[in-house]
Amino acid sequence: MTDRLADLYPEHIAAVKRRHDAALAATGFDAVVIFGGAIHIAFLDDEMYPFKANPHFKSWVPVINNPHCFIVYTPGDTPRLVFFQPVDYWYKPPERGEAALPEGTRRLHRRGPRGPGPRRQSENAP
């Protein structure tokens, strides 16, 4: 992130927090969980479509190349990024990108059993 953007980023996050605080107060909810998005696999193929992160998720953090992440925000608390890192033989796990997080955002890591590729059918499946 360039110095100019880094200087503006705390202001941006403060505005995002204010909008979410107002929306949560108006609707009576205590918190919001914003999913970053998932990989879509082409029908009857093993090819994946390019990943596009949820724009509401991207407004909080600049994580644009890692599916299955999400933001948990409760007004008055530190926003939490749950960063998915699959344990997978075929796919390289995404980098953590510590420098890309806004000041005060807490990162939690979620390790998953597999990456974004096609799922294998269970032997016990009907």
N, C-alpha and C. Protein backbone atom coordinates (compact mmCIF):
# COMPACT_ATOMS: atom_id res chain seq x y z
N MET A 1 0.85 -1.17 0.00
CA MET A 1 0.00 0.00 0.00
C MET A 1 0.89 1.23 0.00
N THR A 2 0.62 2.19 -0.88
CA THR A 2 1.45 3.39 -0.94
C THR A 2 1.24 4.23 0.31
N ASP A 3 2.18 5.14 0.57
CA ASP A 3 2.08 6.00 1.76
C ASP A 3 0.80 6.82 1.76
N ARG A 4 0.44 7.34 0.60
CA ARG A 4 -0.77 8.18 0.51
C ARG A 4 -2.01 7.35 0.86
N LEU A 5 -2.10 6.15 0.31
CA LEU A 5 -3.24 5.28 0.62
C LEU A 5 -3.22 4.84 2.08
N ALA A 6 -2.04 4.55 2.58
CA ALA A 6 -1.92 4.14 3.98
C ALA A 6 -2.39 5.25 4.92
N ASP A 7 -2.15 6.51 4.54
CA ASP A 7 -2.61 7.64 5.34
C ASP A 7 -4.14 7.78 5.30
N LEU A 8 -4.74 7.46 4.17
CA LEU A 8 -6.20 7.61 4.01
C LEU A 8 -6.98 6.40 4.54
N TYR A 9 -6.32 5.27 4.68
CA TYR A 9 -7.02 4.03 5.03
C TYR A 9 -7.72 4.09 6.39
N PRO A 10 -7.12 4.63 7.45
CA PRO A 10 -7.84 4.70 8.73
C PRO A 10 -9.14 5.52 8.63
N GLU A 11 -9.13 6.59 7.85
CA GLU A 11 -10.34 7.39 7.63
C GLU A 11 -11.41 6.55 6.93
N HIS A 12 -10.99 5.79 5.94
CA HIS A 12 -11.91 4.93 5.20
C HIS A 12 -12.54 3.90 6.14
N ILE A 13 -11.74 3.24 6.96
CA ILE A 13 -12.25 2.22 7.88
C ILE A 13 -13.19 2.86 8.90
N ALA A 14 -12.89 4.06 9.36
CA ALA A 14 -13.78 4.76 10.29
C ALA A 14 -15.14 5.02 9.64
N ALA A 15 -15.14 5.40 8.36
CA ALA A 15 -16.40 5.63 7.64
C ALA A 15 -17.18 4.32 7.46
N VAL A 16 -16.48 3.23 7.14
CA VAL A 16 -17.13 1.92 6.99
C VAL A 16 -17.73 1.49 8.32
N LYS A 17 -17.01 1.70 9.41
CA LYS A 17 -17.52 1.37 10.74
C LYS A 17 -18.79 2.18 11.05
N ARG A 18 -18.75 3.49 10.77
CA ARG A 18 -19.93 4.34 11.04
C ARG A 18 -21.15 3.85 10.27
N ARG A 19 -20.96 3.50 8.99
CA ARG A 19 -22.08 3.00 8.18
C ARG A 19 -22.63 1.70 8.75
N HIS A 20 -21.74 0.80 9.14
CA HIS A 20 -22.19 -0.47 9.71
C HIS A 20 -22.83 -0.28 11.08
N ASP A 21 -22.29 0.61 11.88
CA ASP A 21 -22.89 0.90 13.19
C ASP A 21 -24.32 1.40 13.02
N ALA A 22 -24.53 2.32 12.07
CA ALA A 22 -25.87 2.86 11.83
C ALA A 22 -26.82 1.78 11.31
N ALA A 23 -26.35 0.95 10.39
CA ALA A 23 -27.20 -0.11 9.84
C ALA A 23 -27.55 -1.15 10.91
N LEU A 24 -26.60 -1.51 11.74
CA LEU A 24 -26.87 -2.48 12.80
C LEU A 24 -27.84 -1.90 13.83
N ALA A 25 -27.67 -0.63 14.19
CA ALA A 25 -28.57 0.00 15.15
C ALA A 25 -29.99 0.09 14.59
N ALA A 26 -30.11 0.41 13.30
CA ALA A 26 -31.43 0.55 12.68
C ALA A 26 -32.15 -0.78 12.55
N THR A 27 -31.41 -1.86 12.42
CA THR A 27 -32.04 -3.17 12.21
C THR A 27 -32.10 -4.01 13.48
N GLY A 28 -31.45 -3.56 14.55
CA GLY A 28 -31.51 -4.28 15.81
C GLY A 28 -30.56 -5.47 15.91
N PHE A 29 -29.61 -5.58 14.99
CA PHE A 29 -28.64 -6.66 15.06
C PHE A 29 -27.42 -6.22 15.87
N ASP A 30 -26.73 -7.19 16.46
CA ASP A 30 -25.57 -6.89 17.31
C ASP A 30 -24.26 -6.87 16.54
N ALA A 31 -24.18 -7.63 15.47
CA ALA A 31 -22.92 -7.78 14.74
C ALA A 31 -23.21 -8.13 13.28
N VAL A 32 -22.17 -8.06 12.49
CA VAL A 32 -22.28 -8.45 11.08
C VAL A 32 -21.11 -9.36 10.73
N VAL A 33 -21.40 -10.37 9.92
CA VAL A 33 -20.38 -11.27 9.38
C VAL A 33 -20.46 -11.12 7.87
N ILE A 34 -19.37 -10.74 7.26
CA ILE A 34 -19.34 -10.50 5.80
C ILE A 34 -18.41 -11.53 5.17
N PHE A 35 -18.99 -12.38 4.36
CA PHE A 35 -18.24 -13.44 3.68
C PHE A 35 -17.51 -12.86 2.47
N GLY A 36 -16.27 -13.27 2.27
CA GLY A 36 -15.46 -12.77 1.16
C GLY A 36 -15.80 -13.39 -0.18
N GLY A 37 -16.41 -14.57 -0.18
CA GLY A 37 -16.77 -15.24 -1.42
C GLY A 37 -16.14 -16.60 -1.52
N ALA A 38 -16.59 -17.34 -2.53
CA ALA A 38 -16.12 -18.71 -2.74
C ALA A 38 -15.75 -18.90 -4.20
N ILE A 39 -14.95 -19.90 -4.44
CA ILE A 39 -14.57 -20.29 -5.80
C ILE A 39 -15.75 -20.99 -6.46
N HIS A 40 -15.99 -20.67 -7.71
CA HIS A 40 -17.03 -21.35 -8.48
C HIS A 40 -16.36 -22.26 -9.50
N ILE A 41 -16.82 -23.48 -9.54
CA ILE A 41 -16.26 -24.46 -10.46
C ILE A 41 -17.20 -24.64 -11.64
N ALA A 42 -16.63 -24.68 -12.82
CA ALA A 42 -17.43 -24.85 -14.04
C ALA A 42 -18.15 -26.20 -14.00
N PHE A 43 -19.40 -26.19 -14.44
CA PHE A 43 -20.22 -27.40 -14.47
C PHE A 43 -19.56 -28.48 -15.34
N LEU A 44 -19.47 -29.68 -14.81
CA LEU A 44 -18.90 -30.84 -15.49
C LEU A 44 -17.46 -30.62 -15.97
N ASP A 45 -16.71 -29.86 -15.19
CA ASP A 45 -15.33 -29.57 -15.55
C ASP A 45 -14.54 -29.40 -14.26
N ASP A 46 -13.24 -29.47 -14.36
CA ASP A 46 -12.42 -29.24 -13.18
C ASP A 46 -11.80 -27.85 -13.19
N GLU A 47 -12.24 -26.99 -14.10
CA GLU A 47 -11.74 -25.62 -14.19
C GLU A 47 -12.52 -24.72 -13.23
N MET A 48 -11.82 -23.77 -12.67
CA MET A 48 -12.46 -22.81 -11.77
C MET A 48 -12.56 -21.45 -12.46
N TYR A 49 -13.65 -20.75 -12.18
CA TYR A 49 -13.79 -19.38 -12.67
C TYR A 49 -12.86 -18.49 -11.84
N PRO A 50 -12.42 -17.37 -12.41
CA PRO A 50 -11.57 -16.46 -11.62
C PRO A 50 -12.32 -15.99 -10.37
N PHE A 51 -11.63 -15.94 -9.26
CA PHE A 51 -12.25 -15.52 -8.01
C PHE A 51 -12.45 -14.02 -7.99
N LYS A 52 -13.65 -13.61 -7.60
CA LYS A 52 -13.98 -12.19 -7.41
C LYS A 52 -14.50 -12.03 -5.99
N ALA A 53 -13.80 -11.26 -5.19
CA ALA A 53 -14.20 -11.07 -3.80
C ALA A 53 -15.45 -10.20 -3.70
N ASN A 54 -16.24 -10.46 -2.68
CA ASN A 54 -17.43 -9.69 -2.37
C ASN A 54 -17.03 -8.22 -2.15
N PRO A 55 -17.67 -7.27 -2.85
CA PRO A 55 -17.27 -5.86 -2.69
C PRO A 55 -17.48 -5.33 -1.26
N HIS A 56 -18.46 -5.87 -0.55
CA HIS A 56 -18.69 -5.43 0.84
C HIS A 56 -17.53 -5.90 1.73
N PHE A 57 -17.00 -7.07 1.43
CA PHE A 57 -15.83 -7.59 2.14
C PHE A 57 -14.60 -6.74 1.81
N LYS A 58 -14.42 -6.45 0.52
CA LYS A 58 -13.26 -5.68 0.08
C LYS A 58 -13.24 -4.27 0.66
N SER A 59 -14.40 -3.75 1.06
CA SER A 59 -14.40 -2.41 1.63
C SER A 59 -13.74 -2.39 3.01
N TRP A 60 -13.65 -3.56 3.65
CA TRP A 60 -12.99 -3.64 4.96
C TRP A 60 -11.50 -3.93 4.84
N VAL A 61 -11.12 -4.88 4.02
CA VAL A 61 -9.72 -5.31 3.91
C VAL A 61 -9.35 -5.54 2.45
N PRO A 62 -8.11 -5.29 2.09
CA PRO A 62 -7.69 -5.51 0.71
C PRO A 62 -7.28 -6.96 0.43
N VAL A 63 -8.12 -7.91 0.80
CA VAL A 63 -7.86 -9.32 0.52
C VAL A 63 -8.73 -9.68 -0.68
N ILE A 64 -8.12 -9.73 -1.85
CA ILE A 64 -8.91 -9.92 -3.07
C ILE A 64 -8.63 -11.25 -3.76
N ASN A 65 -7.68 -12.03 -3.25
CA ASN A 65 -7.29 -13.25 -3.96
C ASN A 65 -7.41 -14.51 -3.11
N ASN A 66 -8.20 -14.44 -2.04
CA ASN A 66 -8.31 -15.60 -1.16
C ASN A 66 -9.77 -15.84 -0.78
N PRO A 67 -10.38 -16.88 -1.34
CA PRO A 67 -11.77 -17.18 -1.00
C PRO A 67 -11.90 -17.74 0.42
N HIS A 68 -13.14 -17.78 0.89
CA HIS A 68 -13.51 -18.39 2.17
C HIS A 68 -13.03 -17.61 3.39
N CYS A 69 -12.69 -16.34 3.22
CA CYS A 69 -12.37 -15.48 4.35
C CYS A 69 -13.62 -14.71 4.74
N PHE A 70 -13.64 -14.17 5.94
CA PHE A 70 -14.75 -13.29 6.29
C PHE A 70 -14.34 -12.31 7.37
N ILE A 71 -15.13 -11.24 7.47
CA ILE A 71 -14.95 -10.19 8.47
C ILE A 71 -16.06 -10.35 9.50
N VAL A 72 -15.70 -10.25 10.77
CA VAL A 72 -16.68 -10.22 11.85
C VAL A 72 -16.55 -8.86 12.51
N TYR A 73 -17.65 -8.10 12.51
CA TYR A 73 -17.60 -6.76 13.11
C TYR A 73 -18.75 -6.59 14.10
N THR A 74 -18.39 -6.20 15.31
CA THR A 74 -19.34 -5.83 16.35
C THR A 74 -19.02 -4.40 16.74
N PRO A 75 -19.99 -3.50 16.70
CA PRO A 75 -19.70 -2.11 17.07
C PRO A 75 -19.00 -2.02 18.43
N GLY A 76 -17.95 -1.21 18.48
CA GLY A 76 -17.18 -1.05 19.70
C GLY A 76 -16.03 -2.03 19.84
N ASP A 77 -16.02 -3.09 19.04
CA ASP A 77 -14.94 -4.08 19.09
C ASP A 77 -14.02 -3.92 17.88
N THR A 78 -12.86 -4.52 17.97
CA THR A 78 -11.93 -4.54 16.86
C THR A 78 -12.47 -5.46 15.77
N PRO A 79 -12.50 -5.00 14.50
CA PRO A 79 -12.91 -5.90 13.42
C PRO A 79 -11.97 -7.10 13.36
N ARG A 80 -12.52 -8.26 13.05
CA ARG A 80 -11.71 -9.48 12.97
C ARG A 80 -11.78 -10.03 11.55
N LEU A 81 -10.63 -10.31 11.00
CA LEU A 81 -10.53 -10.98 9.71
C LEU A 81 -10.25 -12.45 9.98
N VAL A 82 -11.14 -13.31 9.51
CA VAL A 82 -10.90 -14.75 9.60
C VAL A 82 -10.32 -15.13 8.24
N PHE A 83 -9.04 -15.46 8.25
CA PHE A 83 -8.27 -15.69 7.02
C PHE A 83 -8.13 -17.19 6.78
N PHE A 84 -8.68 -17.67 5.70
CA PHE A 84 -8.68 -19.10 5.40
C PHE A 84 -7.38 -19.50 4.71
N GLN A 85 -6.73 -20.52 5.26
CA GLN A 85 -5.55 -21.09 4.64
C GLN A 85 -5.75 -22.60 4.56
N PRO A 86 -6.07 -23.11 3.38
CA PRO A 86 -6.32 -24.54 3.27
C PRO A 86 -5.05 -25.37 3.43
N VAL A 87 -5.22 -26.55 3.95
CA VAL A 87 -4.14 -27.53 4.01
C VAL A 87 -4.41 -28.44 2.82
N ASP A 88 -3.64 -28.29 1.77
CA ASP A 88 -3.97 -28.98 0.54
C ASP A 88 -2.70 -29.40 -0.19
N TYR A 89 -2.75 -30.55 -0.78
CA TYR A 89 -1.62 -31.07 -1.53
C TYR A 89 -1.47 -30.37 -2.88
N TRP A 90 -2.59 -30.03 -3.54
CA TRP A 90 -2.56 -29.54 -4.91
C TRP A 90 -2.42 -28.03 -5.03
N TYR A 91 -2.86 -27.29 -4.02
CA TYR A 91 -2.92 -25.84 -4.14
C TYR A 91 -2.02 -25.18 -3.11
N LYS A 92 -1.30 -24.16 -3.55
CA LYS A 92 -0.45 -23.41 -2.64
C LYS A 92 -1.34 -22.52 -1.75
N PRO A 93 -1.16 -22.59 -0.44
CA PRO A 93 -1.97 -21.73 0.43
C PRO A 93 -1.66 -20.26 0.18
N PRO A 94 -2.64 -19.38 0.35
CA PRO A 94 -2.39 -17.95 0.14
C PRO A 94 -1.46 -17.40 1.21
N GLU A 95 -0.76 -16.36 0.83
CA GLU A 95 0.12 -15.68 1.79
C GLU A 95 -0.73 -14.92 2.79
N ARG A 96 -0.19 -14.73 3.97
CA ARG A 96 -0.96 -14.05 5.02
C ARG A 96 -1.11 -12.56 4.76
N GLY A 97 -0.13 -11.91 4.18
CA GLY A 97 -0.24 -10.49 3.85
C GLY A 97 -0.46 -9.60 5.06
N GLU A 98 0.36 -9.74 6.06
CA GLU A 98 0.19 -8.99 7.31
C GLU A 98 0.15 -7.47 7.08
N ALA A 99 0.94 -6.97 6.14
CA ALA A 99 1.02 -5.52 5.93
C ALA A 99 -0.26 -4.96 5.33
N ALA A 100 -1.09 -5.80 4.73
CA ALA A 100 -2.29 -5.32 4.04
C ALA A 100 -3.44 -5.01 4.99
N LEU A 101 -3.34 -5.37 6.26
CA LEU A 101 -4.44 -5.15 7.19
C LEU A 101 -4.43 -3.74 7.74
N PRO A 102 -5.63 -3.17 7.92
CA PRO A 102 -5.67 -1.85 8.54
C PRO A 102 -5.27 -1.92 10.00
N GLU A 103 -4.78 -0.82 10.52
CA GLU A 103 -4.39 -0.73 11.92
C GLU A 103 -5.56 -1.11 12.82
N GLY A 104 -5.31 -1.97 13.78
CA GLY A 104 -6.35 -2.33 14.73
C GLY A 104 -7.22 -3.50 14.32
N THR A 105 -7.01 -4.06 13.13
CA THR A 105 -7.79 -5.23 12.72
C THR A 105 -7.12 -6.47 13.25
N ARG A 106 -7.90 -7.33 13.86
CA ARG A 106 -7.36 -8.56 14.42
C ARG A 106 -7.52 -9.68 13.40
N ARG A 107 -6.50 -10.48 13.22
CA ARG A 107 -6.53 -11.56 12.25
C ARG A 107 -6.63 -12.89 12.98
N LEU A 108 -7.55 -13.72 12.52
CA LEU A 108 -7.66 -15.10 12.99
C LEU A 108 -7.41 -15.99 11.80
N HIS A 109 -6.73 -17.08 11.98
CA HIS A 109 -6.45 -17.99 10.87
C HIS A 109 -7.32 -19.22 11.01
N ARG A 110 -7.92 -19.61 9.91
CA ARG A 110 -8.74 -20.81 9.88
C ARG A 110 -8.10 -21.76 8.89
N ARG A 111 -7.65 -22.88 9.37
CA ARG A 111 -7.01 -23.88 8.51
C ARG A 111 -8.07 -24.87 8.09
N GLY A 112 -8.16 -25.11 6.82
CA GLY A 112 -9.18 -26.03 6.31
C GLY A 112 -8.58 -27.31 5.79
N PRO A 113 -9.41 -28.30 5.62
CA PRO A 113 -8.92 -29.60 5.17
C PRO A 113 -8.53 -29.63 3.70
N ARG A 114 -9.12 -28.75 2.87
CA ARG A 114 -8.84 -28.78 1.43
C ARG A 114 -8.90 -27.39 0.85
N GLY A 115 -8.30 -27.27 -0.30
CA GLY A 115 -8.34 -26.02 -1.03
C GLY A 115 -9.60 -25.88 -1.85
N PRO A 116 -9.60 -24.97 -2.83
CA PRO A 116 -10.81 -24.64 -3.55
C PRO A 116 -11.15 -25.58 -4.70
N GLY A 117 -10.38 -26.61 -4.94
CA GLY A 117 -10.61 -27.49 -6.08
C GLY A 117 -11.85 -28.36 -5.95
N PRO A 118 -12.12 -29.15 -6.96
CA PRO A 118 -13.29 -30.02 -6.95
C PRO A 118 -13.26 -30.97 -5.76
N ARG A 119 -14.41 -31.21 -5.20
CA ARG A 119 -14.54 -32.10 -4.06
C ARG A 119 -14.69 -33.54 -4.52
N ARG A 120 -14.09 -34.45 -3.78
CA ARG A 120 -14.24 -35.86 -4.09
C ARG A 120 -15.52 -36.38 -3.46
N GLN A 121 -16.19 -37.29 -4.13
CA GLN A 121 -17.39 -37.92 -3.56
C GLN A 121 -16.97 -38.83 -2.42
N SER A 122 -17.73 -38.84 -1.37
CA SER A 122 -17.48 -39.72 -0.24
C SER A 122 -17.79 -41.16 -0.66
N GLU A 123 -17.03 -42.09 -0.11
CA GLU A 123 -17.30 -43.50 -0.42
C GLU A 123 -18.66 -43.92 0.07
N ASN A 124 -19.17 -43.25 1.11
CA ASN A 124 -20.45 -43.61 1.68
C ASN A 124 -21.62 -42.83 1.07
N ALA A 125 -21.34 -41.98 0.10
CA ALA A 125 -22.40 -41.18 -0.50
C ALA A 125 -23.34 -42.08 -1.31
N PRO A 126 -24.64 -41.73 -1.32
CA PRO A 126 -25.60 -42.54 -2.08
C PRO A 126 -25.37 -42.47 -3.56
